Amino acid sequence: MKDDPFTLKQCLTGEALLTVKGVDNDFTEMMKRLDIKYGKPEKLADAVLSEIKGLKPMFDGDYMSFITTVDVVERCWLDLKRMNMELEMNTATMISQIERLLPPLQKRVWALRKQKYGSHTFPELLNFLLEEKNAMEYIHSDLRDSSASRTLLKSKVSQYNIGGRYSRRISPSTSKAKSRNIEAGS
């Protein structure tokens, strides 16, 4: 429903919920109070940028931390871009802040790339981070990661004929195939 004060109230918690207390049946007044308290672009930009400032430096080999950090950086960029404030991210200070978070290997590759191509803008840094993230996701996907592949081979694999009545269970550890009758719908 459009302009539903009840739905808006259900989305609020903590201080934001207290902000609309007393006018929680008037959607327009609720939004007005929330805009006064939270709607200033400077406050929104500060909140987004503080999220990046709160990130911890990463270490080589911690690909999950790298992926999570890149996701946060990209989300912050998109939030600022949506508010037409992406220039807040394209400063030497913010780029340097993000560079300090990088693991040594990515920091080195980025430094070489900056020297070779003169890459000095945040969109170029973000593009580099996304390329690195995609490469890590590819390398560490379950099918390509050797430790995950070994785990997969050790586990039992089941194939079910969903429309039929039979199932074949294959256990790599015994290399035997067993068939059993399965009741349809169970």
Protein backbone atom coordinates (compact mmCIF):
# COMPACT_ATOMS: atom_id res chain seq x y z
CA MET A 1 0.00 0.00 0.00
CA LYS A 2 1.18 3.47 -0.83
CA ASP A 3 1.79 5.93 2.03
CA ASP A 4 0.87 3.41 4.71
CA PRO A 5 1.99 4.67 8.16
CA PHE A 6 1.63 1.20 9.69
CA THR A 7 4.01 -0.34 7.14
CA LEU A 8 6.52 2.48 7.62
CA LYS A 9 6.37 2.07 11.40
CA GLN A 10 7.07 -1.67 11.06
CA CYS A 11 10.30 -0.83 9.21
CA LEU A 12 11.62 1.46 11.95
CA THR A 13 13.55 0.58 15.09
CA GLY A 14 15.36 2.34 17.90
CA GLU A 15 15.85 6.07 17.59
CA ALA A 16 14.03 6.27 14.24
CA LEU A 17 10.93 4.70 15.82
CA LEU A 18 11.09 7.20 18.69
CA THR A 19 11.33 10.03 16.16
CA VAL A 20 7.86 9.23 14.79
CA LYS A 21 6.26 8.54 18.17
CA GLY A 22 3.05 10.51 18.53
CA VAL A 23 2.48 10.94 14.79
CA ASP A 24 2.62 7.27 13.87
CA ASN A 25 -0.79 7.38 12.19
CA ASP A 26 0.16 10.18 9.76
CA PHE A 27 2.50 9.00 7.00
CA THR A 28 3.30 12.51 5.74
CA GLU A 29 4.23 13.78 9.20
CA MET A 30 6.27 10.64 9.89
CA MET A 31 8.28 11.18 6.71
CA LYS A 32 8.70 14.87 7.49
CA ARG A 33 10.18 14.08 10.92
CA LEU A 34 12.44 11.37 9.51
CA ASP A 35 13.67 13.71 6.76
CA ILE A 36 14.48 16.42 9.30
CA LYS A 37 16.50 14.02 11.41
CA TYR A 38 18.03 11.70 8.79
CA GLY A 39 17.41 13.21 5.36
CA LYS A 40 20.27 15.67 5.13
CA PRO A 41 22.67 14.60 2.37
CA GLU A 42 25.70 15.41 4.52
CA LYS A 43 24.50 13.06 7.26
CA LEU A 44 23.80 10.30 4.76
CA ALA A 45 27.22 10.70 3.15
CA ASP A 46 28.91 10.66 6.58
CA ALA A 47 27.06 7.47 7.50
CA VAL A 48 28.08 5.78 4.25
CA LEU A 49 31.71 6.88 4.46
CA SER A 50 31.99 5.88 8.13
CA GLU A 51 31.08 2.35 7.08
CA ILE A 52 34.21 2.25 4.93
CA LYS A 53 36.32 3.83 7.66
CA GLY A 54 35.20 1.03 9.99
CA LEU A 55 36.61 -1.72 7.76
CA LYS A 56 39.70 -3.63 8.90
CA PRO A 57 42.83 -4.24 6.78
CA MET A 58 42.87 -7.60 4.98
CA PHE A 59 45.55 -10.26 4.83
CA ASP A 60 46.76 -12.35 1.89
CA GLY A 61 44.75 -15.54 1.54
CA ASP A 62 41.66 -14.28 3.38
CA TYR A 63 39.52 -14.22 0.26
CA MET A 64 36.20 -14.13 2.14
CA SER A 65 37.26 -10.96 3.96
CA PHE A 66 38.31 -9.45 0.63
CA ILE A 67 34.98 -10.30 -1.02
CA THR A 68 33.02 -8.90 1.93
CA THR A 69 35.07 -5.70 1.95
CA VAL A 70 34.62 -5.18 -1.80
CA ASP A 71 30.87 -5.71 -1.38
CA VAL A 72 30.76 -3.02 1.32
CA VAL A 73 32.82 -0.58 -0.77
CA GLU A 74 30.63 -1.16 -3.83
CA ARG A 75 27.42 -0.79 -1.81
CA CYS A 76 28.67 2.49 -0.33
CA TRP A 77 29.55 3.76 -3.80
CA LEU A 78 26.12 2.83 -5.13
CA ASP A 79 24.40 4.49 -2.16
CA LEU A 80 26.30 7.72 -2.75
CA LYS A 81 25.72 7.51 -6.49
CA ARG A 82 21.98 7.12 -5.91
CA MET A 83 22.10 10.39 -3.93
CA ASN A 84 24.22 12.08 -6.65
CA MET A 85 27.09 12.32 -4.15
CA GLU A 86 29.55 9.91 -5.73
CA LEU A 87 32.22 12.63 -5.73
CA GLU A 88 32.48 12.07 -1.95
CA MET A 89 34.08 8.73 -2.75
CA ASN A 90 36.30 10.03 -5.54
CA THR A 91 38.72 11.87 -3.28
CA ALA A 92 42.38 11.14 -2.65
CA THR A 93 41.57 10.58 1.03
CA MET A 94 38.91 7.92 0.39
CA ILE A 95 40.97 6.18 -2.29
CA SER A 96 43.93 6.11 0.09
CA GLN A 97 41.69 4.79 2.89
CA ILE A 98 40.56 1.89 0.69
CA GLU A 99 44.10 1.22 -0.57
CA ARG A 100 45.26 0.82 3.04
CA LEU A 101 42.72 -1.98 3.50
CA LEU A 102 44.06 -4.08 0.63
CA PRO A 103 46.06 -7.25 1.20
CA PRO A 104 49.74 -6.93 0.17
CA LEU A 105 49.29 -8.76 -3.15
CA GLN A 106 46.34 -6.66 -4.33
CA LYS A 107 48.01 -3.51 -3.04
CA ARG A 108 51.06 -4.31 -5.19
CA VAL A 109 49.01 -5.12 -8.29
CA TRP A 110 46.96 -1.93 -7.84
CA ALA A 111 50.14 0.16 -7.40
CA LEU A 112 51.59 -1.27 -10.62
CA ARG A 113 48.31 -0.64 -12.44
CA LYS A 114 48.21 2.96 -11.18
CA GLN A 115 51.74 3.58 -12.43
CA LYS A 116 51.18 1.91 -15.79
CA TYR A 117 47.78 3.41 -16.64
CA GLY A 118 47.66 6.48 -14.43
CA SER A 119 44.56 5.13 -12.66
CA HIS A 120 43.74 7.64 -9.96
CA THR A 121 39.94 7.74 -9.75
CA PHE A 122 37.64 5.80 -7.49
CA PRO A 123 35.71 4.18 -10.39
CA GLU A 124 39.02 2.74 -11.65
CA LEU A 125 39.83 1.43 -8.15
CA LEU A 126 36.35 -0.05 -7.83
CA ASN A 127 36.69 -1.71 -11.24
CA PHE A 128 40.00 -3.25 -10.10
CA LEU A 129 38.45 -4.44 -6.83
CA LEU A 130 35.50 -6.03 -8.65
CA GLU A 131 37.85 -7.79 -11.09
CA GLU A 132 39.87 -9.17 -8.17
CA LYS A 133 36.69 -10.20 -6.35
CA ASN A 134 35.37 -12.02 -9.43
CA ALA A 135 38.70 -13.81 -9.85
CA MET A 136 38.67 -14.91 -6.20
CA GLU A 137 35.09 -16.12 -6.45
CA TYR A 138 36.00 -18.09 -9.57
CA ILE A 139 39.12 -19.62 -8.04
CA HIS A 140 37.44 -20.50 -4.76
CA SER A 141 34.14 -21.74 -6.15
CA ASP A 142 33.23 -25.22 -4.88
CA LEU A 143 33.98 -26.91 -8.19
CA ARG A 144 37.44 -25.37 -8.63
CA ASP A 145 38.71 -25.41 -5.05
CA SER A 146 40.64 -28.66 -4.63
CA SER A 147 39.85 -28.99 -0.92
CA ALA A 148 36.14 -28.46 -1.59
CA SER A 149 36.28 -30.94 -4.51
CA ARG A 150 37.76 -33.62 -2.26
CA THR A 151 35.02 -33.01 0.28
CA LEU A 152 32.42 -33.26 -2.45
CA LEU A 153 33.85 -36.58 -3.67
CA LYS A 154 33.80 -38.02 -0.16
CA SER A 155 30.17 -37.11 0.36
CA LYS A 156 27.30 -39.20 -0.89
CA VAL A 157 25.74 -38.10 -4.13
CA SER A 158 22.08 -38.74 -4.75
CA GLN A 159 20.22 -38.52 -8.00
CA TYR A 160 16.45 -38.49 -7.92
CA ASN A 161 14.14 -38.85 -10.83
CA ILE A 162 11.62 -36.32 -9.55
CA GLY A 163 8.86 -37.30 -11.93
CA GLY A 164 9.45 -41.04 -11.56
CA ARG A 165 9.47 -43.61 -8.84
CA TYR A 166 13.13 -44.62 -8.65
CA SER A 167 16.20 -43.15 -7.10
CA ARG A 168 19.79 -44.14 -7.60
CA ARG A 169 22.18 -43.50 -4.73
CA ILE A 170 25.88 -43.47 -5.52
CA SER A 171 28.45 -43.60 -2.78
CA PRO A 172 32.00 -42.88 -4.06
CA SER A 173 33.47 -44.59 -1.01
CA THR A 174 31.87 -47.94 -1.93
CA SER A 175 31.48 -47.36 -5.69
CA LYS A 176 28.20 -49.28 -5.63
CA ALA A 177 24.92 -48.12 -7.04
CA LYS A 178 21.73 -49.00 -5.23
CA SER A 179 18.22 -48.53 -6.48
CA ARG A 180 15.16 -48.37 -4.35
CA ASN A 181 11.53 -47.70 -4.98
CA ILE A 182 10.31 -44.27 -3.90
CA GLU A 183 6.67 -43.46 -3.46
CA ALA A 184 5.66 -40.56 -5.68
CA GLY A 185 5.29 -37.36 -3.69
CA SER A 186 7.13 -38.55 -0.60
